[in-house]
C-alpha atoms as a PDB file:
ATOM      1  CA  GLU A   1      -9.523  24.811   6.602  1.00  0.00           C
ATOM      2  CA  GLU A   2     -13.014  25.752   7.930  1.00  0.00           C
ATOM      3  CA  ARG A   3     -14.538  23.720   5.124  1.00  0.00           C
ATOM      4  CA  TYR A   4     -13.163  20.627   6.679  1.00  0.00           C
ATOM      5  CA  ARG A   5     -14.047  21.701  10.306  1.00  0.00           C
ATOM      6  CA  ARG A   6     -17.612  22.415   9.423  1.00  0.00           C
ATOM      7  CA  ARG A   7     -18.383  19.999   6.691  1.00  0.00           C
ATOM      8  CA  TYR A   8     -22.095  20.496   7.096  1.00  0.00           C
ATOM      9  CA  VAL A   9     -21.752  24.162   5.940  1.00  0.00           C
ATOM     10  CA  ASP A  10     -19.449  23.132   3.245  1.00  0.00           C
ATOM     11  CA  LEU A  11     -22.080  20.686   1.795  1.00  0.00           C
ATOM     12  CA  ILE A  12     -24.653  23.511   1.888  1.00  0.00           C
ATOM     13  CA  MET A  13     -22.484  26.018   0.157  1.00  0.00           C
ATOM     14  CA  ASN A  14     -20.247  23.979  -2.098  1.00  0.00           C
ATOM     15  CA  GLU A  15     -21.733  21.902  -4.919  1.00  0.00           C
ATOM     16  CA  GLU A  16     -18.330  20.423  -5.744  1.00  0.00           C
ATOM     17  CA  ALA A  17     -17.925  19.114  -2.188  1.00  0.00           C
ATOM     18  CA  LYS A  18     -21.353  17.368  -2.533  1.00  0.00           C
ATOM     19  CA  LYS A  19     -20.492  15.882  -5.860  1.00  0.00           C
ATOM     20  CA  VAL A  20     -17.211  14.451  -4.513  1.00  0.00           C
ATOM     21  CA  ALA A  21     -19.105  13.018  -1.390  1.00  0.00           C
ATOM     22  CA  LEU A  22     -21.632  11.291  -3.739  1.00  0.00           C
ATOM     23  CA  THR A  23     -19.003  10.009  -6.159  1.00  0.00           C
ATOM     24  CA  ARG A  24     -17.085   8.184  -3.480  1.00  0.00           C
ATOM     25  CA  PRO A  25     -19.750   5.500  -2.771  1.00  0.00           C
ATOM     26  CA  ARG A  26     -20.241   5.016  -6.567  1.00  0.00           C
ATOM     27  CA  ILE A  27     -16.413   4.238  -6.858  1.00  0.00           C
ATOM     28  CA  ILE A  28     -16.627   1.750  -3.948  1.00  0.00           C
ATOM     29  CA  ARG A  29     -19.789   0.050  -5.382  1.00  0.00           C
ATOM     30  CA  ALA A  30     -17.955  -0.215  -8.853  1.00  0.00           C
ATOM     31  CA  MET A  31     -14.876  -1.896  -7.197  1.00  0.00           C
ATOM     32  CA  GLN A  32     -17.262  -4.304  -5.415  1.00  0.00           C
ATOM     33  CA  SER A  33     -19.137  -5.034  -8.656  1.00  0.00           C
ATOM     34  CA  TYR A  34     -15.820  -5.746 -10.491  1.00  0.00           C
ATOM     35  CA  PHE A  35     -14.510  -8.251  -7.917  1.00  0.00           C
ATOM     36  CA  ASP A  36     -17.968  -9.787  -7.596  1.00  0.00           C
ATOM     37  CA  SER A  37     -17.888 -10.509 -11.363  1.00  0.00           C
ATOM     38  CA  LEU A  38     -14.545 -12.327 -10.972  1.00  0.00           C
ATOM     39  CA  GLY A  39     -15.879 -14.636  -8.191  1.00  0.00           C
ATOM     40  CA  PHE A  40     -14.239 -12.841  -5.232  1.00  0.00           C
ATOM     41  CA  VAL A  41     -15.766 -13.310  -1.825  1.00  0.00           C
ATOM     42  CA  GLU A  42     -16.063 -10.161   0.323  1.00  0.00           C
ATOM     43  CA  VAL A  43     -15.053 -10.848   3.953  1.00  0.00           C
ATOM     44  CA  GLU A  44     -14.562  -8.907   7.266  1.00  0.00           C
ATOM     45  CA  THR A  45     -11.697  -9.120   9.674  1.00  0.00           C
ATOM     46  CA  PRO A  46     -10.917  -7.568  13.123  1.00  0.00           C
ATOM     47  CA  MET A  47     -10.080  -3.842  13.601  1.00  0.00           C
ATOM     48  CA  LEU A  48      -8.565  -4.576  17.025  1.00  0.00           C
ATOM     49  CA  HIS A  49      -5.300  -6.610  16.916  1.00  0.00           C
ATOM     50  CA  GLN A  50      -3.136  -8.000  19.680  1.00  0.00           C
ATOM     51  CA  LYS A  51      -0.091  -7.537  17.333  1.00  0.00           C
ATOM     52  CA  ALA A  52       0.660  -4.454  15.211  1.00  0.00           C
ATOM     53  CA  SER A  53       1.633  -6.336  11.963  1.00  0.00           C
ATOM     54  CA  GLY A  54       0.702  -6.518   8.306  1.00  0.00           C
ATOM     55  CA  ALA A  55       2.573  -3.248   7.326  1.00  0.00           C
ATOM     56  CA  ASN A  56       5.434  -0.971   8.390  1.00  0.00           C
ATOM     57  CA  ALA A  57       3.532   1.673  10.245  1.00  0.00           C
ATOM     58  CA  ARG A  58       3.395   3.237  13.718  1.00  0.00           C
ATOM     59  CA  PRO A  59       0.165   1.944  15.343  1.00  0.00           C
ATOM     60  CA  PHE A  60      -2.514   3.524  17.760  1.00  0.00           C
ATOM     61  CA  MET A  61      -2.422   1.657  21.074  1.00  0.00           C
ATOM     62  CA  THR A  62      -5.289   1.053  23.363  1.00  0.00           C
ATOM     63  CA  HIS A  63      -6.153  -1.294  26.272  1.00  0.00           C
ATOM     64  CA  HIS A  64      -8.910  -3.874  26.789  1.00  0.00           C
ATOM     65  CA  ASN A  65      -9.938  -3.586  30.382  1.00  0.00           C
ATOM     66  CA  ALA A  66     -11.845  -6.937  30.803  1.00  0.00           C
ATOM     67  CA  LEU A  67      -9.043  -8.927  29.379  1.00  0.00           C
ATOM     68  CA  ASP A  68      -6.386  -6.584  30.766  1.00  0.00           C
ATOM     69  CA  ILE A  69      -4.250  -6.767  27.501  1.00  0.00           C
ATOM     70  CA  PRO A  70      -2.776  -4.069  25.283  1.00  0.00           C
ATOM     71  CA  MET A  71      -4.374  -3.850  21.854  1.00  0.00           C
ATOM     72  CA  TYR A  72      -3.644  -2.041  18.564  1.00  0.00           C
ATOM     73  CA  MET A  73      -5.920  -0.372  16.038  1.00  0.00           C
ATOM     74  CA  ARG A  74      -5.548  -2.120  12.713  1.00  0.00           C
ATOM     75  CA  ILE A  75      -2.677  -0.872  10.546  1.00  0.00           C
ATOM     76  CA  ALA A  76      -3.553  -3.357   7.773  1.00  0.00           C
ATOM     77  CA  PRO A  77      -5.898  -6.463   7.413  1.00  0.00           C
ATOM     78  CA  GLU A  78      -3.180  -8.534   5.682  1.00  0.00           C
ATOM     79  CA  LEU A  79      -2.366 -11.201   8.238  1.00  0.00           C
ATOM     80  CA  HIS A  80      -6.006 -11.996   9.047  1.00  0.00           C
ATOM     81  CA  LEU A  81      -6.924 -12.221   5.343  1.00  0.00           C
ATOM     82  CA  LYS A  82      -4.055 -14.658   4.768  1.00  0.00           C
ATOM     83  CA  ARG A  83      -5.240 -16.771   7.737  1.00  0.00           C
ATOM     84  CA  LEU A  84      -8.482 -17.127   5.658  1.00  0.00           C
ATOM     85  CA  MET A  85      -6.477 -18.154   2.678  1.00  0.00           C
ATOM     86  CA  VAL A  86      -4.836 -20.775   4.814  1.00  0.00           C
ATOM     87  CA  GLY A  87      -8.156 -21.970   6.011  1.00  0.00           C
ATOM     88  CA  GLY A  88      -9.383 -22.398   2.372  1.00  0.00           C
ATOM     89  CA  LEU A  89     -12.384 -20.135   2.695  1.00  0.00           C
ATOM     90  CA  SER A  90     -12.145 -19.345  -0.911  1.00  0.00           C
ATOM     91  CA  GLU A  91      -9.425 -18.987  -3.564  1.00  0.00           C
ATOM     92  CA  LYS A  92     -10.358 -15.349  -4.008  1.00  0.00           C
ATOM     93  CA  ILE A  93     -11.149 -12.876  -1.173  1.00  0.00           C
ATOM     94  CA  PHE A  94     -11.250  -9.245  -0.586  1.00  0.00           C
ATOM     95  CA  GLU A  95     -12.048  -6.746   2.136  1.00  0.00           C
ATOM     96  CA  ILE A  96     -12.934  -3.039   2.046  1.00  0.00           C
ATOM     97  CA  ASN A  97     -11.451  -1.959   5.363  1.00  0.00           C
ATOM     98  CA  ARG A  98     -10.652   0.952   7.648  1.00  0.00           C
ATOM     99  CA  CYS A  99      -7.103   1.211   8.900  1.00  0.00           C
ATOM    100  CA  PHE A 100      -5.429   3.474  11.424  1.00  0.00           C
ATOM    101  CA  ARG A 101      -1.834   4.679  11.507  1.00  0.00           C
ATOM    102  CA  ASN A 102      -0.362   7.111  14.160  1.00  0.00           C
ATOM    103  CA  GLU A 103       1.697   9.052  11.644  1.00  0.00           C
ATOM    104  CA  GLY A 104       1.855  12.457  10.028  1.00  0.00           C
ATOM    105  CA  ILE A 105      -1.053  14.238   8.221  1.00  0.00           C
ATOM    106  CA  ASP A 106      -0.462  15.822   4.727  1.00  0.00           C
ATOM    107  CA  SER A 107      -2.336  15.925   1.441  1.00  0.00           C
ATOM    108  CA  LEU A 108      -2.115  12.097   0.902  1.00  0.00           C
ATOM    109  CA  HIS A 109      -2.312  10.854   4.537  1.00  0.00           C
ATOM    110  CA  ASN A 110      -5.005  10.863   7.141  1.00  0.00           C
ATOM    111  CA  PRO A 111      -4.735   8.857  10.487  1.00  0.00           C
ATOM    112  CA  GLU A 112      -7.711   6.636   9.526  1.00  0.00           C
ATOM    113  CA  PHE A 113      -8.085   5.806   5.863  1.00  0.00           C
ATOM    114  CA  THR A 114      -9.815   3.149   3.760  1.00  0.00           C
ATOM    115  CA  THR A 115      -8.224   0.497   1.587  1.00  0.00           C
ATOM    116  CA  ILE A 116      -9.231  -2.551  -0.366  1.00  0.00           C
ATOM    117  CA  GLU A 117      -7.134  -5.651   0.137  1.00  0.00           C
ATOM    118  CA  LEU A 118      -7.430  -8.870  -1.826  1.00  0.00           C
ATOM    119  CA  TYR A 119      -5.870 -12.226  -2.282  1.00  0.00           C
ATOM    120  CA  GLU A 120      -6.038 -14.831  -5.069  1.00  0.00           C
ATOM    121  CA  ALA A 121      -4.528 -18.407  -4.901  1.00  0.00           C
ATOM    122  CA  TYR A 122      -2.308 -19.734  -7.627  1.00  0.00           C
ATOM    123  CA  VAL A 123      -1.289 -16.382  -9.126  1.00  0.00           C
ATOM    124  CA  ASP A 124       1.647 -14.150  -8.682  1.00  0.00           C
ATOM    125  CA  TYR A 125       2.594 -10.426  -8.759  1.00  0.00           C
ATOM    126  CA  ASN A 126       2.492 -10.367 -12.595  1.00  0.00           C
ATOM    127  CA  ASP A 127      -1.214 -11.420 -12.397  1.00  0.00           C
ATOM    128  CA  MET A 128      -1.796  -8.746  -9.737  1.00  0.00           C
ATOM    129  CA  MET A 129      -0.467  -6.042 -12.021  1.00  0.00           C
ATOM    130  CA  THR A 130      -3.029  -7.009 -14.757  1.00  0.00           C
ATOM    131  CA  LEU A 131      -5.844  -7.284 -12.120  1.00  0.00           C
ATOM    132  CA  THR A 132      -4.964  -3.836 -10.576  1.00  0.00           C
ATOM    133  CA  GLU A 133      -4.821  -1.902 -13.907  1.00  0.00           C
ATOM    134  CA  ASN A 134      -8.066  -3.617 -15.189  1.00  0.00           C
ATOM    135  CA  MET A 135      -9.920  -2.825 -12.073  1.00  0.00           C
ATOM    136  CA  VAL A 136      -8.897   0.874 -12.135  1.00  0.00           C
ATOM    137  CA  ALA A 137      -9.844   1.207 -15.793  1.00  0.00           C
ATOM    138  CA  TYR A 138     -13.262  -0.506 -15.101  1.00  0.00           C
ATOM    139  CA  VAL A 139     -14.072   1.888 -12.199  1.00  0.00           C
ATOM    140  CA  ALA A 140     -13.082   4.943 -14.197  1.00  0.00           C
ATOM    141  CA  LYS A 141     -15.195   3.808 -17.055  1.00  0.00           C
ATOM    142  CA  GLU A 142     -18.249   3.040 -14.868  1.00  0.00           C
ATOM    143  CA  VAL A 143     -18.028   6.261 -12.848  1.00  0.00           C
ATOM    144  CA  LEU A 144     -16.739   8.747 -15.351  1.00  0.00           C
ATOM    145  CA  GLY A 145     -17.396   7.106 -18.670  1.00  0.00           C
ATOM    146  CA  THR A 146     -13.717   7.296 -19.695  1.00  0.00           C
ATOM    147  CA  THR A 147     -10.334   6.025 -18.808  1.00  0.00           C
ATOM    148  CA  LYS A 148      -8.602   9.313 -19.861  1.00  0.00           C
ATOM    149  CA  ILE A 149      -8.973  11.671 -16.869  1.00  0.00           C
ATOM    150  CA  LYS A 150      -7.957  15.226 -16.120  1.00  0.00           C
ATOM    151  CA  TYR A 151      -5.910  15.637 -12.897  1.00  0.00           C
ATOM    152  CA  GLY A 152      -4.653  19.216 -12.239  1.00  0.00           C
ATOM    153  CA  GLU A 153      -2.931  20.209 -15.340  1.00  0.00           C
ATOM    154  CA  ASN A 154      -2.201  16.697 -16.631  1.00  0.00           C
ATOM    155  CA  GLU A 155      -4.325  14.313 -18.644  1.00  0.00           C
ATOM    156  CA  ILE A 156      -3.708  10.838 -17.175  1.00  0.00           C
ATOM    157  CA  ASP A 157      -4.465   7.686 -19.376  1.00  0.00           C
ATOM    158  CA  LEU A 158      -5.593   4.777 -17.107  1.00  0.00           C
ATOM    159  CA  THR A 159      -6.078   2.424 -20.114  1.00  0.00           C
ATOM    160  CA  PRO A 160      -4.409  -0.951 -19.715  1.00  0.00           C
ATOM    161  CA  PRO A 161      -1.723  -2.079 -20.048  1.00  0.00           C
ATOM    162  CA  TRP A 162       0.287   0.093 -17.874  1.00  0.00           C
ATOM    163  CA  ASP A 163       4.094   0.409 -18.102  1.00  0.00           C
ATOM    164  CA  ARG A 164       6.228  -1.911 -16.021  1.00  0.00           C
ATOM    165  CA  LYS A 165       9.650  -0.842 -14.599  1.00  0.00           C
ATOM    166  CA  THR A 166      12.031  -2.298 -12.039  1.00  0.00           C
ATOM    167  CA  MET A 167      12.813  -0.032  -9.134  1.00  0.00           C
ATOM    168  CA  ILE A 168      16.611  -0.380  -9.709  1.00  0.00           C
ATOM    169  CA  GLY A 169      16.091   0.083 -13.481  1.00  0.00           C
ATOM    170  CA  SER A 170      14.007   3.280 -12.970  1.00  0.00           C
ATOM    171  CA  ILE A 171      16.734   4.712 -10.686  1.00  0.00           C
ATOM    172  CA  LYS A 172      19.361   4.013 -13.360  1.00  0.00           C
ATOM    173  CA  GLU A 173      17.201   5.526 -16.066  1.00  0.00           C
ATOM    174  CA  ALA A 174      16.850   8.758 -14.049  1.00  0.00           C
ATOM    175  CA  THR A 175      20.351   9.011 -12.613  1.00  0.00           C
ATOM    176  CA  GLY A 176      22.663   6.800 -14.549  1.00  0.00           C
ATOM    177  CA  VAL A 177      23.639   4.877 -11.408  1.00  0.00           C
ATOM    178  CA  ASP A 178      22.924   1.137 -11.082  1.00  0.00           C
ATOM    179  CA  PHE A 179      22.388   0.368  -7.467  1.00  0.00           C
ATOM    180  CA  GLY A 180      22.097  -3.294  -8.243  1.00  0.00           C
ATOM    181  CA  GLU A 181      25.935  -3.307  -8.757  1.00  0.00           C
ATOM    182  CA  PHE A 182      26.568  -2.343  -5.047  1.00  0.00           C
ATOM    183  CA  THR A 183      27.106  -5.267  -2.703  1.00  0.00           C
ATOM    184  CA  THR A 184      27.134  -3.300   0.545  1.00  0.00           C
ATOM    185  CA  ALA A 185      25.180  -0.552   2.159  1.00  0.00           C
ATOM    186  CA  GLU A 186      28.318   1.597   2.452  1.00  0.00           C
ATOM    187  CA  GLU A 187      28.745   1.602  -1.397  1.00  0.00           C
ATOM    188  CA  ALA A 188      25.053   2.433  -1.908  1.00  0.00           C
ATOM    189  CA  GLU A 189      25.270   5.188   0.792  1.00  0.00           C
ATOM    190  CA  THR A 190      28.214   6.825  -1.042  1.00  0.00           C
ATOM    191  CA  ALA A 191      26.504   6.730  -4.356  1.00  0.00           C
ATOM    192  CA  ALA A 192      23.313   8.204  -2.894  1.00  0.00           C
ATOM    193  CA  GLN A 193      25.131  11.087  -1.181  1.00  0.00           C
ATOM    194  CA  LYS A 194      26.911  11.938  -4.569  1.00  0.00           C
ATOM    195  CA  LEU A 195      23.337  12.117  -5.980  1.00  0.00           C
ATOM    196  CA  GLY A 196      22.443  14.640  -3.170  1.00  0.00           C
ATOM    197  CA  VAL A 197      19.963  12.363  -1.539  1.00  0.00           C
ATOM    198  CA  GLU A 198      19.658  12.770   2.263  1.00  0.00           C
ATOM    199  CA  LEU A 199      19.807   9.523   4.333  1.00  0.00           C
ATOM    200  CA  GLU A 200      19.129   8.697   7.763  1.00  0.00           C
ATOM    201  CA  GLU A 201      21.806   6.800   9.927  1.00  0.00           C
ATOM    202  CA  ASN A 202      22.314   2.986   9.748  1.00  0.00           C
ATOM    203  CA  MET A 203      20.236   2.347   6.633  1.00  0.00           C
ATOM    204  CA  ASN A 204      20.578  -0.964   4.979  1.00  0.00           C
ATOM    205  CA  TRP A 205      21.060  -1.373   1.180  1.00  0.00           C
ATOM    206  CA  GLY A 206      17.338  -1.844   0.564  1.00  0.00           C
ATOM    207  CA  LYS A 207      16.285   1.181   2.447  1.00  0.00           C
ATOM    208  CA  ILE A 208      18.820   3.311   0.707  1.00  0.00           C
ATOM    209  CA  VAL A 209      17.599   2.166  -2.672  1.00  0.00           C
ATOM    210  CA  GLU A 210      14.054   3.041  -1.687  1.00  0.00           C
ATOM    211  CA  THR A 211      15.065   6.477  -0.432  1.00  0.00           C
ATOM    212  CA  VAL A 212      16.925   7.244  -3.751  1.00  0.00           C
ATOM    213  CA  PHE A 213      13.813   6.122  -5.639  1.00  0.00           C
ATOM    214  CA  GLU A 214      11.539   8.310  -3.586  1.00  0.00           C
ATOM    215  CA  ASP A 215      13.818  11.393  -4.176  1.00  0.00           C
ATOM    216  CA  LYS A 216      14.841  10.984  -7.842  1.00  0.00           C
ATOM    217  CA  VAL A 217      12.039   8.997  -9.453  1.00  0.00           C
ATOM    218  CA  GLU A 218       8.764   8.896  -7.764  1.00  0.00           C
ATOM    219  CA  PRO A 219       7.831  12.619  -7.770  1.00  0.00           C
ATOM    220  CA  TYR A 220       8.229  12.839 -11.604  1.00  0.00           C
ATOM    221  CA  ILE A 221       5.913   9.868 -12.464  1.00  0.00           C
ATOM    222  CA  ILE A 222       2.721  11.102 -13.981  1.00  0.00           C
ATOM    223  CA  GLN A 223       1.192   8.332 -16.115  1.00  0.00           C
ATOM    224  CA  PRO A 224       0.491   5.027 -14.314  1.00  0.00           C
ATOM    225  CA  VAL A 225       3.258   2.600 -13.963  1.00  0.00           C
ATOM    226  CA  HIS A 226       3.980  -0.548 -11.985  1.00  0.00           C
ATOM    227  CA  ILE A 227       7.402  -0.245 -10.167  1.00  0.00           C
ATOM    228  CA  MET A 228       8.555  -3.811  -9.656  1.00  0.00           C
ATOM    229  CA  ASP A 229      11.068  -5.845  -7.740  1.00  0.00           C
ATOM    230  CA  TYR A 230      11.619  -4.080  -4.344  1.00  0.00           C
ATOM    231  CA  PRO A 231      14.565  -4.973  -2.035  1.00  0.00           C
ATOM    232  CA  ARG A 232      14.084  -7.737   0.464  1.00  0.00           C
ATOM    233  CA  GLU A 233      14.985  -5.630   3.411  1.00  0.00           C
ATOM    234  CA  ILE A 234      11.949  -3.303   3.020  1.00  0.00           C
ATOM    235  CA  SER A 235       9.375  -6.050   2.000  1.00  0.00           C
ATOM    236  CA  PRO A 236       8.911  -8.341   5.032  1.00  0.00           C
ATOM    237  CA  LEU A 237       5.765 -10.050   3.733  1.00  0.00           C
ATOM    238  CA  ALA A 238       6.722 -10.639   0.026  1.00  0.00           C
ATOM    239  CA  LYS A 239       8.244 -13.704  -1.652  1.00  0.00           C
ATOM    240  CA  VAL A 240      11.777 -13.732  -2.572  1.00  0.00           C
ATOM    241  CA  HIS A 241      12.391 -12.864  -6.303  1.00  0.00           C
ATOM    242  CA  ARG A 242      12.704 -16.068  -8.327  1.00  0.00           C
ATOM    243  CA  ARG A 243      15.998 -14.734 -10.090  1.00  0.00           C
ATOM    244  CA  ASN A 244      17.501 -12.458  -7.509  1.00  0.00           C
ATOM    245  CA  PRO A 245      17.576 -13.249  -3.746  1.00  0.00           C
ATOM    246  CA  ARG A 246      18.268  -9.640  -2.827  1.00  0.00           C
ATOM    247  CA  LEU A 247      14.874  -8.582  -4.278  1.00  0.00           C
ATOM    248  CA  THR A 248      11.164  -9.638  -3.805  1.00  0.00           C
ATOM    249  CA  GLU A 249       8.287 -10.090  -6.111  1.00  0.00           C
ATOM    250  CA  ARG A 250       6.637  -6.898  -5.100  1.00  0.00           C
ATOM    251  CA  PHE A 251       5.327  -3.981  -7.033  1.00  0.00           C
ATOM    252  CA  GLU A 252       3.786  -0.593  -6.318  1.00  0.00           C
ATOM    253  CA  SER A 253       1.410   1.134  -8.812  1.00  0.00           C
ATOM    254  CA  LYS A 254       2.455   4.779  -9.084  1.00  0.00           C
ATOM    255  CA  VAL A 255       0.560   7.598 -10.754  1.00  0.00           C
ATOM    256  CA  ASN A 256       0.847  11.390 -10.383  1.00  0.00           C
ATOM    257  CA  GLY A 257       3.751  11.006  -8.066  1.00  0.00           C
ATOM    258  CA  TRP A 258       1.846   8.706  -5.537  1.00  0.00           C
ATOM    259  CA  GLU A 259       1.605   5.152  -4.464  1.00  0.00           C
ATOM    260  CA  LEU A 260      -1.781   4.013  -5.487  1.00  0.00           C
ATOM    261  CA  ALA A 261      -1.326   0.236  -4.854  1.00  0.00           C
ATOM    262  CA  ASN A 262       1.023  -2.243  -3.227  1.00  0.00           C
ATOM    263  CA  ALA A 263       1.143  -5.834  -4.157  1.00  0.00           C
ATOM    264  CA  PHE A 264       3.245  -9.055  -3.872  1.00  0.00           C
ATOM    265  CA  SER A 265       3.690 -12.631  -4.648  1.00  0.00           C
ATOM    266  CA  GLU A 266       3.009 -13.480  -1.108  1.00  0.00           C
ATOM    267  CA  LEU A 267       5.517 -15.109   1.197  1.00  0.00           C
ATOM    268  CA  THR A 268       4.174 -18.496   2.242  1.00  0.00           C
ATOM    269  CA  ASP A 269       7.303 -20.056   3.784  1.00  0.00           C
ATOM    270  CA  PRO A 270       7.003 -19.953   7.655  1.00  0.00           C
ATOM    271  CA  ILE A 271      10.768 -20.261   8.197  1.00  0.00           C
ATOM    272  CA  ASP A 272      11.493 -17.310   5.928  1.00  0.00           C
ATOM    273  CA  GLN A 273       8.641 -15.352   7.453  1.00  0.00           C
ATOM    274  CA  ARG A 274      10.127 -15.896  10.966  1.00  0.00           C
ATOM    275  CA  ASP A 275      13.464 -14.629   9.690  1.00  0.00           C
ATOM    276  CA  ARG A 276      11.826 -11.506   8.221  1.00  0.00           C
ATOM    277  CA  PHE A 277       9.751 -10.816  11.378  1.00  0.00           C
ATOM    278  CA  GLU A 278      12.924 -11.182  13.521  1.00  0.00           C
ATOM    279  CA  ALA A 279      14.785  -8.617  11.355  1.00  0.00           C
ATOM    280  CA  GLN A 280      11.783  -6.365  11.809  1.00  0.00           C
ATOM    281  CA  ALA A 281      11.894  -6.794  15.627  1.00  0.00           C
ATOM    282  CA  LEU A 282      15.622  -5.959  15.588  1.00  0.00           C
ATOM    283  CA  ALA A 283      14.866  -2.769  13.699  1.00  0.00           C
ATOM    284  CA  LYS A 284      12.192  -1.959  16.154  1.00  0.00           C
ATOM    285  CA  ALA A 285      14.502  -2.511  19.055  1.00  0.00           C
ATOM    286  CA  GLN A 286      16.971  -0.136  17.416  1.00  0.00           C
ATOM    287  CA  GLY A 287      14.361   2.711  17.339  1.00  0.00           C
ATOM    288  CA  ASP A 288      12.436   2.088  14.000  1.00  0.00           C
ATOM    289  CA  GLU A 289       8.744   2.710  15.311  1.00  0.00           C
ATOM    290  CA  GLU A 290       7.292   1.584  11.975  1.00  0.00           C
ATOM    291  CA  ALA A 291       8.779  -1.928  12.110  1.00  0.00           C
ATOM    292  CA  CYS A 292       6.235  -4.709  12.584  1.00  0.00           C
ATOM    293  CA  ASP A 293       6.001  -7.076  15.585  1.00  0.00           C
ATOM    294  CA  ILE A 294       6.533 -10.953  15.484  1.00  0.00           C
ATOM    295  CA  ASP A 295       3.227 -12.581  15.044  1.00  0.00           C
ATOM    296  CA  GLU A 296       3.584 -16.041  16.313  1.00  0.00           C
ATOM    297  CA  ASP A 297       0.014 -17.170  15.486  1.00  0.00           C
ATOM    298  CA  PHE A 298       0.455 -16.130  11.877  1.00  0.00           C
ATOM    299  CA  ILE A 299       3.650 -18.098  11.606  1.00  0.00           C
ATOM    300  CA  ASN A 300       1.811 -20.988  13.040  1.00  0.00           C
ATOM    301  CA  ALA A 301      -0.965 -20.504  10.390  1.00  0.00           C
ATOM    302  CA  LEU A 302       1.668 -20.606   7.563  1.00  0.00           C
ATOM    303  CA  GLU A 303       2.951 -23.942   8.974  1.00  0.00           C
ATOM    304  CA  TYR A 304      -0.466 -25.458   8.116  1.00  0.00           C
ATOM    305  CA  GLY A 305       0.150 -24.403   4.509  1.00  0.00           C
ATOM    306  CA  MET A 306      -0.845 -21.473   2.375  1.00  0.00           C
ATOM    307  CA  PRO A 307      -1.221 -21.870  -1.353  1.00  0.00           C
ATOM    308  CA  PRO A 308       0.957 -19.773  -3.745  1.00  0.00           C
ATOM    309  CA  THR A 309      -0.896 -16.469  -3.595  1.00  0.00           C
ATOM    310  CA  GLY A 310      -0.957 -13.055  -5.188  1.00  0.00           C
ATOM    311  CA  GLY A 311      -2.157 -10.161  -2.972  1.00  0.00           C
ATOM    312  CA  MET A 312      -2.879  -6.451  -3.579  1.00  0.00           C
ATOM    313  CA  GLY A 313      -3.818  -3.461  -1.390  1.00  0.00           C
ATOM    314  CA  MET A 314      -5.047  -0.138  -2.698  1.00  0.00           C
ATOM    315  CA  GLY A 315      -5.861   3.213  -0.977  1.00  0.00           C
ATOM    316  CA  ILE A 316      -9.426   3.887  -1.788  1.00  0.00           C
ATOM    317  CA  ASP A 317      -9.124   7.580  -0.684  1.00  0.00           C
ATOM    318  CA  ARG A 318      -6.306   8.151  -3.151  1.00  0.00           C
ATOM    319  CA  LEU A 319      -8.276   6.468  -5.917  1.00  0.00           C
ATOM    320  CA  VAL A 320     -11.254   8.758  -5.169  1.00  0.00           C
ATOM    321  CA  MET A 321      -8.782  11.774  -5.239  1.00  0.00           C
ATOM    322  CA  LEU A 322      -7.619  10.738  -8.621  1.00  0.00           C
ATOM    323  CA  LEU A 323     -10.946  10.131 -10.154  1.00  0.00           C
ATOM    324  CA  THR A 324     -12.466  13.402  -8.705  1.00  0.00           C
ATOM    325  CA  ASN A 325      -9.518  15.654  -9.379  1.00  0.00           C
ATOM    326  CA  SER A 326      -9.232  16.384  -5.668  1.00  0.00           C
ATOM    327  CA  THR A 327      -5.897  18.035  -4.412  1.00  0.00           C
ATOM    328  CA  THR A 328      -5.969  16.704  -0.923  1.00  0.00           C
ATOM    329  CA  ILE A 329      -7.246  13.675   0.944  1.00  0.00           C
ATOM    330  CA  ARG A 330      -9.267  15.886   3.126  1.00  0.00           C
ATOM    331  CA  ASP A 331     -11.580  16.641   0.163  1.00  0.00           C
ATOM    332  CA  VAL A 332     -12.509  13.015  -0.177  1.00  0.00           C
ATOM    333  CA  ILE A 333     -13.005  12.141   3.540  1.00  0.00           C
ATOM    334  CA  ALA A 334     -16.207  13.576   4.907  1.00  0.00           C
ATOM    335  CA  PHE A 335     -14.668  14.351   8.404  1.00  0.00           C
ATOM    336  CA  PRO A 336     -10.773  14.331   8.169  1.00  0.00           C
ATOM    337  CA  THR A 337      -8.695  14.509  11.362  1.00  0.00           C
ATOM    338  CA  MET A 338      -7.858  18.104  12.234  1.00  0.00           C
ATOM    339  CA  LYS A 339      -5.506  19.794  14.623  1.00  0.00           C
ATOM    340  CA  ASN A 340      -7.274  21.551  17.542  1.00  0.00           C
ATOM    341  CA  LYS A 341      -7.626  25.353  17.127  1.00  0.00           C
END
């Protein structure tokens, strides 16, 4: 703990800490180089927002004195980046951004963290899977000279293509239970309880499916895999699946039991987007502090027309952890948030 409180001493005494700190900017530069080579334009968007939207997360709140309005520290850059897609700035954009979430601290979470978020017009989530795995493999090769890395006791092979599994299919593979057969939350709740999964009150079908996945599947994933087709209820910004209206065209890239990336075929329908926002607002009114707000200006932007778009966000801190064999996010952030003594 003292290493993180007095990083200046850590850097003096610990060569490994210095090596990690110097590797981090090399990883970021390799990411920028990769997307530059594909014709992406790097942009910047605000860190102070009037609406806490773009992700399901509890925000930090502040107040702007001159304008006398409440403001939120950015939980995600998503909705501003999509506004740039509406405006036609470029068919390919990305931002390396700092986000802030007023949530718990553990080995994978710090209240302020860095992500890369990108959007490309006229592609879908299948293209985003290919882009994600190719980018990670490129960065590993550039920084480490190999796509086969050591993390803890495991050797992890980042060589594309990565495996692809549906969320419901992976649960069935692990437990024998097909949650896609259940038409109500009550049926799903009964099945989850039989599996020994602890649930919160008033969960909908999608949230139950996600909770079962996080309990029975995610911790046991070591090699990289794209988990696809998330329930609609837990994906307020993703396009409805082309073959199943209960699902969305969303995937998360998992490795070593973590979420590394989150990506969608983006929702571009303003009417559907309003319905999703209103469902989130209802959840917030019922006590869900992570539900996002209704962003009227973003809905207005979608009414002008956003092209079919694929989008992806990745936690840079977690990628640095993976490529430097670091056991906690505190090892890869120079000055992590610490509890007072």
